[in-house]
Amino acid sequence: MMKNAGYLQLNRRPVLDEEGIPQDILELYLYGTKLCIRINALRTALRSGVSVSVERIQRNWMAYIGRSAGYARISKSGKALNIELANGERFTVSLDSLHAVLCSRERYASVAALPVSMAGTIVRNRKITDYGPLSAREGSTRGALPA
């Protein structure tokens, strides 16, 4: 079951890129964090199927695009845009609702959190000998009582 993690909407205020040029962006609000995807790059990614960078929005005297926070790409089924952040969190938004926002038919679209992938999980509280061969554990003299 997917849970609502936030929403996305079109940019309402100017946001500067690294060269000081105002950019049209799609704003992502995920768990209170403000991220963005550049609209031109997103349209190219939707047409060709390549991934697009998800970047942070930072404020100094005005909003500007910061460093990369992850990437987004079309799902294998072609029905959703999957967002993967550098910290391992994954989100999804339906392409139908994304197109509605891009065409200004809707003001925002809901973004859902995806479950953590099995490949990215880290097993904690394991002893190093749990991964060694059985003979290594049997031959261990550490903690053995003297005879």
N, C-alpha and C. Protein backbone atom coordinates (compact mmCIF):
# COMPACT_ATOMS: atom_id res chain seq x y z
N MET A 1 0.84 -1.18 0.00
CA MET A 1 0.00 0.00 0.00
C MET A 1 0.89 1.24 0.00
N MET A 2 0.57 2.16 -0.88
CA MET A 2 1.36 3.38 -0.96
C MET A 2 0.70 4.48 -0.13
N LYS A 3 1.55 5.28 0.52
CA LYS A 3 1.06 6.38 1.35
C LYS A 3 1.39 7.69 0.67
N ASN A 4 0.52 8.69 0.88
CA ASN A 4 0.74 10.01 0.32
C ASN A 4 1.96 10.65 0.97
N ALA A 5 2.89 11.14 0.14
CA ALA A 5 4.12 11.72 0.67
C ALA A 5 4.22 13.21 0.41
N GLY A 6 3.35 13.73 -0.44
CA GLY A 6 3.40 15.14 -0.77
C GLY A 6 2.68 15.42 -2.07
N TYR A 7 3.11 16.48 -2.74
CA TYR A 7 2.47 16.85 -3.99
C TYR A 7 3.46 17.57 -4.89
N LEU A 8 3.05 17.77 -6.14
CA LEU A 8 3.84 18.56 -7.08
C LEU A 8 2.93 19.57 -7.74
N GLN A 9 3.52 20.70 -8.15
CA GLN A 9 2.77 21.76 -8.81
C GLN A 9 3.70 22.54 -9.71
N LEU A 10 3.11 23.34 -10.59
CA LEU A 10 3.92 24.19 -11.45
C LEU A 10 4.49 25.33 -10.63
N ASN A 11 5.61 25.86 -11.08
CA ASN A 11 6.29 26.96 -10.43
C ASN A 11 5.44 28.23 -10.54
N ARG A 12 5.33 28.96 -9.46
CA ARG A 12 4.57 30.21 -9.46
C ARG A 12 5.48 31.44 -9.33
N ARG A 13 6.72 31.24 -8.93
CA ARG A 13 7.67 32.35 -8.75
C ARG A 13 8.94 32.05 -9.52
N PRO A 14 9.69 33.09 -9.88
CA PRO A 14 10.93 32.84 -10.61
C PRO A 14 11.97 32.11 -9.76
N VAL A 15 12.64 31.14 -10.37
CA VAL A 15 13.71 30.39 -9.73
C VAL A 15 14.91 30.47 -10.66
N LEU A 16 16.05 30.85 -10.11
CA LEU A 16 17.26 31.05 -10.92
C LEU A 16 18.08 29.78 -10.97
N ASP A 17 18.71 29.54 -12.14
CA ASP A 17 19.64 28.42 -12.24
C ASP A 17 21.03 28.89 -11.85
N GLU A 18 22.04 28.05 -12.08
CA GLU A 18 23.40 28.40 -11.65
C GLU A 18 24.00 29.57 -12.42
N GLU A 19 23.43 29.92 -13.58
CA GLU A 19 23.91 31.06 -14.36
C GLU A 19 23.09 32.33 -14.13
N GLY A 20 22.08 32.26 -13.26
CA GLY A 20 21.25 33.41 -12.96
C GLY A 20 20.08 33.60 -13.91
N ILE A 21 19.77 32.60 -14.72
CA ILE A 21 18.68 32.69 -15.68
C ILE A 21 17.42 32.09 -15.05
N PRO A 22 16.28 32.79 -15.10
CA PRO A 22 15.04 32.23 -14.54
C PRO A 22 14.62 30.97 -15.30
N GLN A 23 14.21 29.96 -14.55
CA GLN A 23 13.82 28.67 -15.12
C GLN A 23 12.38 28.34 -14.76
N ASP A 24 11.68 27.66 -15.68
CA ASP A 24 10.37 27.10 -15.39
C ASP A 24 10.60 25.73 -14.77
N ILE A 25 10.02 25.53 -13.60
CA ILE A 25 10.24 24.27 -12.89
C ILE A 25 8.92 23.68 -12.42
N LEU A 26 8.97 22.41 -12.11
CA LEU A 26 7.89 21.69 -11.45
C LEU A 26 8.34 21.52 -10.01
N GLU A 27 7.60 22.10 -9.07
CA GLU A 27 7.98 22.03 -7.66
C GLU A 27 7.46 20.75 -7.03
N LEU A 28 8.32 20.08 -6.28
CA LEU A 28 7.97 18.86 -5.54
C LEU A 28 8.04 19.18 -4.06
N TYR A 29 6.98 18.88 -3.33
CA TYR A 29 6.98 19.03 -1.88
C TYR A 29 6.84 17.63 -1.30
N LEU A 30 7.93 17.08 -0.79
CA LEU A 30 7.96 15.72 -0.26
C LEU A 30 8.36 15.77 1.20
N TYR A 31 7.44 15.41 2.08
CA TYR A 31 7.67 15.42 3.52
C TYR A 31 8.24 16.75 3.99
N GLY A 32 7.74 17.85 3.45
CA GLY A 32 8.17 19.18 3.85
C GLY A 32 9.43 19.68 3.17
N THR A 33 10.04 18.87 2.31
CA THR A 33 11.25 19.27 1.59
C THR A 33 10.86 19.78 0.21
N LYS A 34 11.48 20.88 -0.19
CA LYS A 34 11.16 21.50 -1.47
C LYS A 34 12.21 21.10 -2.51
N LEU A 35 11.79 20.38 -3.54
CA LEU A 35 12.65 19.95 -4.64
C LEU A 35 12.06 20.44 -5.95
N CYS A 36 12.80 20.27 -7.03
CA CYS A 36 12.27 20.70 -8.33
C CYS A 36 12.81 19.85 -9.47
N ILE A 37 12.07 19.89 -10.57
CA ILE A 37 12.49 19.29 -11.84
C ILE A 37 12.31 20.36 -12.89
N ARG A 38 13.32 20.58 -13.72
CA ARG A 38 13.21 21.58 -14.79
C ARG A 38 12.22 21.09 -15.84
N ILE A 39 11.31 21.97 -16.24
CA ILE A 39 10.22 21.59 -17.16
C ILE A 39 10.77 21.16 -18.52
N ASN A 40 11.73 21.88 -19.07
CA ASN A 40 12.28 21.52 -20.38
C ASN A 40 12.91 20.13 -20.34
N ALA A 41 13.66 19.84 -19.31
CA ALA A 41 14.29 18.52 -19.16
C ALA A 41 13.23 17.45 -18.94
N LEU A 42 12.17 17.78 -18.20
CA LEU A 42 11.10 16.81 -17.94
C LEU A 42 10.36 16.47 -19.23
N ARG A 43 10.06 17.46 -20.05
CA ARG A 43 9.37 17.19 -21.33
C ARG A 43 10.23 16.32 -22.24
N THR A 44 11.53 16.56 -22.26
CA THR A 44 12.44 15.73 -23.05
C THR A 44 12.46 14.30 -22.51
N ALA A 45 12.49 14.16 -21.20
CA ALA A 45 12.51 12.83 -20.57
C ALA A 45 11.21 12.08 -20.83
N LEU A 46 10.08 12.78 -20.84
CA LEU A 46 8.80 12.13 -21.10
C LEU A 46 8.71 11.63 -22.55
N ARG A 47 9.31 12.38 -23.48
CA ARG A 47 9.29 11.96 -24.89
C ARG A 47 10.25 10.82 -25.15
N SER A 48 11.45 10.90 -24.59
CA SER A 48 12.51 9.93 -24.95
C SER A 48 12.68 8.80 -23.94
N GLY A 49 12.20 8.95 -22.71
CA GLY A 49 12.32 7.90 -21.71
C GLY A 49 13.61 7.93 -20.91
N VAL A 50 14.43 8.96 -21.06
CA VAL A 50 15.67 9.06 -20.28
C VAL A 50 15.35 9.62 -18.89
N SER A 51 16.29 9.53 -17.99
CA SER A 51 16.07 10.06 -16.65
C SER A 51 16.36 11.56 -16.62
N VAL A 52 15.76 12.23 -15.65
CA VAL A 52 15.91 13.67 -15.48
C VAL A 52 16.33 13.93 -14.03
N SER A 53 17.13 14.95 -13.83
CA SER A 53 17.64 15.27 -12.50
C SER A 53 16.57 15.94 -11.63
N VAL A 54 16.53 15.53 -10.37
CA VAL A 54 15.70 16.18 -9.35
C VAL A 54 16.67 16.99 -8.50
N GLU A 55 16.37 18.30 -8.37
CA GLU A 55 17.31 19.20 -7.70
C GLU A 55 16.66 19.88 -6.50
N ARG A 56 17.49 20.36 -5.61
CA ARG A 56 17.01 21.07 -4.43
C ARG A 56 16.70 22.52 -4.80
N ILE A 57 15.75 23.11 -4.08
CA ILE A 57 15.50 24.55 -4.21
C ILE A 57 16.03 25.19 -2.94
N GLN A 58 16.94 26.14 -3.12
CA GLN A 58 17.54 26.82 -1.98
C GLN A 58 17.19 28.29 -2.05
N ARG A 59 17.26 28.96 -0.92
CA ARG A 59 16.94 30.38 -0.86
C ARG A 59 18.13 31.16 -0.31
N ASN A 60 18.42 32.26 -0.97
CA ASN A 60 19.38 33.21 -0.45
C ASN A 60 18.63 34.52 -0.38
N TRP A 61 18.73 35.35 -1.37
CA TRP A 61 17.88 36.53 -1.44
C TRP A 61 16.66 36.24 -2.31
N MET A 62 16.71 35.13 -3.04
CA MET A 62 15.57 34.62 -3.80
C MET A 62 15.80 33.14 -4.05
N ALA A 63 14.82 32.45 -4.57
CA ALA A 63 14.95 31.01 -4.78
C ALA A 63 15.89 30.72 -5.95
N TYR A 64 16.73 29.70 -5.78
CA TYR A 64 17.60 29.27 -6.86
C TYR A 64 17.76 27.76 -6.80
N ILE A 65 18.13 27.18 -7.94
CA ILE A 65 18.28 25.74 -8.05
C ILE A 65 19.62 25.33 -7.47
N GLY A 66 19.59 24.41 -6.52
CA GLY A 66 20.80 23.93 -5.86
C GLY A 66 21.32 22.66 -6.50
N ARG A 67 21.99 21.85 -5.70
CA ARG A 67 22.60 20.62 -6.21
C ARG A 67 21.58 19.52 -6.41
N SER A 68 21.99 18.48 -7.08
CA SER A 68 21.11 17.37 -7.42
C SER A 68 20.75 16.58 -6.16
N ALA A 69 19.49 16.13 -6.10
CA ALA A 69 19.01 15.34 -4.97
C ALA A 69 18.63 13.94 -5.40
N GLY A 70 18.64 13.66 -6.68
CA GLY A 70 18.26 12.35 -7.20
C GLY A 70 17.88 12.44 -8.65
N TYR A 71 17.05 11.50 -9.10
CA TYR A 71 16.61 11.52 -10.49
C TYR A 71 15.20 10.96 -10.59
N ALA A 72 14.58 11.23 -11.73
CA ALA A 72 13.22 10.73 -12.01
C ALA A 72 13.22 10.13 -13.40
N ARG A 73 12.41 9.08 -13.57
CA ARG A 73 12.28 8.45 -14.89
C ARG A 73 10.93 7.77 -15.00
N ILE A 74 10.55 7.46 -16.23
CA ILE A 74 9.30 6.78 -16.50
C ILE A 74 9.38 5.35 -15.97
N SER A 75 8.29 4.86 -15.40
CA SER A 75 8.26 3.48 -14.89
C SER A 75 8.29 2.50 -16.06
N LYS A 76 8.55 1.23 -15.74
CA LYS A 76 8.59 0.20 -16.78
C LYS A 76 7.24 0.03 -17.46
N SER A 77 6.16 0.22 -16.72
CA SER A 77 4.83 0.09 -17.31
C SER A 77 4.46 1.29 -18.16
N GLY A 78 5.16 2.41 -17.98
CA GLY A 78 4.87 3.61 -18.75
C GLY A 78 3.67 4.39 -18.24
N LYS A 79 3.24 4.11 -17.01
CA LYS A 79 2.07 4.78 -16.46
C LYS A 79 2.38 5.74 -15.32
N ALA A 80 3.66 5.81 -14.92
CA ALA A 80 4.02 6.65 -13.77
C ALA A 80 5.41 7.23 -13.96
N LEU A 81 5.68 8.28 -13.21
CA LEU A 81 7.02 8.86 -13.12
C LEU A 81 7.55 8.47 -11.75
N ASN A 82 8.63 7.71 -11.73
CA ASN A 82 9.25 7.27 -10.47
C ASN A 82 10.39 8.21 -10.12
N ILE A 83 10.44 8.62 -8.87
CA ILE A 83 11.45 9.55 -8.37
C ILE A 83 12.29 8.80 -7.35
N GLU A 84 13.61 8.78 -7.55
CA GLU A 84 14.53 8.13 -6.61
C GLU A 84 15.51 9.19 -6.11
N LEU A 85 15.51 9.39 -4.81
CA LEU A 85 16.41 10.37 -4.21
C LEU A 85 17.72 9.71 -3.81
N ALA A 86 18.74 10.51 -3.60
CA ALA A 86 20.06 10.01 -3.26
C ALA A 86 20.08 9.30 -1.91
N ASN A 87 19.16 9.64 -1.02
CA ASN A 87 19.14 9.00 0.30
C ASN A 87 18.40 7.66 0.29
N GLY A 88 17.93 7.21 -0.87
CA GLY A 88 17.30 5.91 -1.00
C GLY A 88 15.79 5.95 -0.99
N GLU A 89 15.18 7.08 -0.70
CA GLU A 89 13.73 7.18 -0.72
C GLU A 89 13.21 7.18 -2.16
N ARG A 90 12.05 6.54 -2.36
CA ARG A 90 11.47 6.44 -3.70
C ARG A 90 10.02 6.91 -3.66
N PHE A 91 9.61 7.61 -4.72
CA PHE A 91 8.28 8.16 -4.82
C PHE A 91 7.75 7.93 -6.23
N THR A 92 6.43 8.06 -6.39
CA THR A 92 5.83 7.91 -7.71
C THR A 92 4.65 8.85 -7.87
N VAL A 93 4.41 9.23 -9.10
CA VAL A 93 3.25 10.06 -9.46
C VAL A 93 2.72 9.54 -10.80
N SER A 94 1.42 9.46 -10.93
CA SER A 94 0.81 8.96 -12.16
C SER A 94 1.08 9.94 -13.31
N LEU A 95 1.35 9.39 -14.50
CA LEU A 95 1.60 10.25 -15.67
C LEU A 95 0.36 11.03 -16.07
N ASP A 96 -0.82 10.46 -15.87
CA ASP A 96 -2.05 11.18 -16.20
C ASP A 96 -2.19 12.45 -15.36
N SER A 97 -1.94 12.35 -14.06
CA SER A 97 -2.04 13.53 -13.20
C SER A 97 -0.89 14.50 -13.46
N LEU A 98 0.30 13.97 -13.82
CA LEU A 98 1.42 14.84 -14.17
C LEU A 98 1.11 15.65 -15.42
N HIS A 99 0.55 15.00 -16.46
CA HIS A 99 0.17 15.72 -17.68
C HIS A 99 -0.91 16.76 -17.40
N ALA A 100 -1.84 16.45 -16.50
CA ALA A 100 -2.88 17.41 -16.14
C ALA A 100 -2.28 18.66 -15.50
N VAL A 101 -1.26 18.48 -14.68
CA VAL A 101 -0.58 19.63 -14.06
C VAL A 101 0.21 20.41 -15.11
N LEU A 102 0.93 19.70 -15.98
CA LEU A 102 1.74 20.37 -17.01
C LEU A 102 0.87 21.15 -18.00
N CYS A 103 -0.35 20.67 -18.25
CA CYS A 103 -1.28 21.35 -19.17
C CYS A 103 -2.18 22.35 -18.45
N SER A 104 -1.97 22.56 -17.17
CA SER A 104 -2.73 23.49 -16.32
C SER A 104 -4.20 23.13 -16.18
N ARG A 105 -4.56 21.85 -16.37
CA ARG A 105 -5.92 21.41 -16.10
C ARG A 105 -6.13 21.20 -14.60
N GLU A 106 -5.05 20.85 -13.90
CA GLU A 106 -5.08 20.68 -12.44
C GLU A 106 -3.98 21.54 -11.83
N ARG A 107 -4.19 21.94 -10.58
CA ARG A 107 -3.19 22.78 -9.90
C ARG A 107 -2.06 21.96 -9.30
N TYR A 108 -2.38 20.76 -8.82
CA TYR A 108 -1.35 19.92 -8.21
C TYR A 108 -1.69 18.46 -8.43
N ALA A 109 -0.69 17.59 -8.19
CA ALA A 109 -0.86 16.14 -8.27
C ALA A 109 -0.24 15.52 -7.03
N SER A 110 -0.88 14.49 -6.52
CA SER A 110 -0.38 13.80 -5.32
C SER A 110 0.81 12.91 -5.67
N VAL A 111 1.78 12.88 -4.77
CA VAL A 111 2.96 12.04 -4.91
C VAL A 111 2.91 10.99 -3.80
N ALA A 112 3.09 9.73 -4.17
CA ALA A 112 3.03 8.63 -3.19
C ALA A 112 4.42 8.08 -2.92
N ALA A 113 4.63 7.62 -1.71
CA ALA A 113 5.90 7.00 -1.32
C ALA A 113 5.86 5.53 -1.69
N LEU A 114 6.94 5.03 -2.29
CA LEU A 114 7.07 3.62 -2.61
C LEU A 114 7.79 2.91 -1.48
N PRO A 115 7.53 1.62 -1.30
CA PRO A 115 8.26 0.88 -0.27
C PRO A 115 9.75 0.81 -0.59
N VAL A 116 10.55 0.61 0.44
CA VAL A 116 12.00 0.54 0.27
C VAL A 116 12.34 -0.70 -0.55
N SER A 117 13.26 -0.54 -1.50
CA SER A 117 13.66 -1.67 -2.33
C SER A 117 14.52 -2.64 -1.53
N MET A 118 14.44 -3.90 -1.88
CA MET A 118 15.20 -4.93 -1.16
C MET A 118 16.70 -4.80 -1.41
N ALA A 119 17.10 -4.36 -2.59
CA ALA A 119 18.52 -4.25 -2.90
C ALA A 119 19.19 -3.15 -2.07
N GLY A 120 18.42 -2.13 -1.69
CA GLY A 120 19.00 -1.01 -0.96
C GLY A 120 18.99 -1.18 0.55
N THR A 121 18.39 -2.24 1.07
CA THR A 121 18.32 -2.39 2.51
C THR A 121 19.65 -2.89 3.05
N ILE A 122 19.96 -2.46 4.25
CA ILE A 122 21.20 -2.86 4.90
C ILE A 122 20.84 -3.68 6.12
N VAL A 123 21.43 -4.85 6.23
CA VAL A 123 21.20 -5.70 7.38
C VAL A 123 22.11 -5.20 8.50
N ARG A 124 21.52 -4.94 9.65
CA ARG A 124 22.28 -4.41 10.78
C ARG A 124 22.36 -5.46 11.88
N ASN A 125 23.25 -5.23 12.83
CA ASN A 125 23.42 -6.09 14.00
C ASN A 125 23.79 -7.51 13.62
N ARG A 126 24.66 -7.67 12.67
CA ARG A 126 25.16 -8.99 12.28
C ARG A 126 26.61 -9.09 12.71
N LYS A 127 27.01 -10.28 13.08
CA LYS A 127 28.41 -10.51 13.40
C LYS A 127 29.14 -10.80 12.10
N ILE A 128 30.40 -10.44 12.05
CA ILE A 128 31.18 -10.67 10.84
C ILE A 128 31.32 -12.16 10.57
N THR A 129 31.27 -12.99 11.61
CA THR A 129 31.40 -14.44 11.41
C THR A 129 30.15 -15.04 10.80
N ASP A 130 29.03 -14.34 10.82
CA ASP A 130 27.81 -14.85 10.18
C ASP A 130 28.00 -15.00 8.67
N TYR A 131 28.93 -14.26 8.10
CA TYR A 131 29.14 -14.29 6.66
C TYR A 131 30.34 -15.14 6.25
N GLY A 132 31.09 -15.63 7.22
CA GLY A 132 32.27 -16.45 6.93
C GLY A 132 31.91 -17.91 6.76
N PRO A 133 32.84 -18.72 6.28
CA PRO A 133 32.56 -20.15 6.16
C PRO A 133 32.43 -20.79 7.53
N LEU A 134 31.77 -21.93 7.57
CA LEU A 134 31.51 -22.62 8.82
C LEU A 134 32.80 -23.01 9.52
N SER A 135 33.82 -23.42 8.77
CA SER A 135 35.08 -23.83 9.38
C SER A 135 35.77 -22.67 10.09
N ALA A 136 35.58 -21.47 9.63
CA ALA A 136 36.19 -20.32 10.28
C ALA A 136 35.57 -20.08 11.65
N ARG A 137 34.27 -20.33 11.78
CA ARG A 137 33.62 -20.15 13.06
C ARG A 137 34.00 -21.27 14.03
N GLU A 138 34.17 -22.47 13.52
CA GLU A 138 34.53 -23.59 14.39
C GLU A 138 35.97 -23.50 14.88
N GLY A 139 36.86 -22.99 14.06
CA GLY A 139 38.27 -22.94 14.41
C GLY A 139 38.63 -21.73 15.25
N SER A 140 37.69 -20.94 15.60
CA SER A 140 37.96 -19.73 16.36
C SER A 140 38.40 -20.08 17.77
N THR A 141 39.50 -19.46 18.23
CA THR A 141 40.00 -19.72 19.57
C THR A 141 39.62 -18.57 20.50
N ARG A 142 39.05 -17.54 19.97
CA ARG A 142 38.69 -16.39 20.78
C ARG A 142 37.56 -16.78 21.73
N GLY A 143 37.73 -16.55 22.97
CA GLY A 143 36.72 -16.83 23.97
C GLY A 143 36.71 -18.30 24.40
N ALA A 144 37.64 -19.10 23.91
CA ALA A 144 37.66 -20.51 24.29
C ALA A 144 38.33 -20.64 25.67
N LEU A 145 37.87 -21.57 26.44
CA LEU A 145 38.44 -21.81 27.76
C LEU A 145 39.70 -22.66 27.64
N PRO A 146 40.74 -22.38 28.44
CA PRO A 146 41.94 -23.19 28.36
C PRO A 146 41.66 -24.61 28.91
N ALA A 147 42.29 -25.60 28.33
CA ALA A 147 42.06 -26.99 28.75
C ALA A 147 42.97 -27.41 29.86
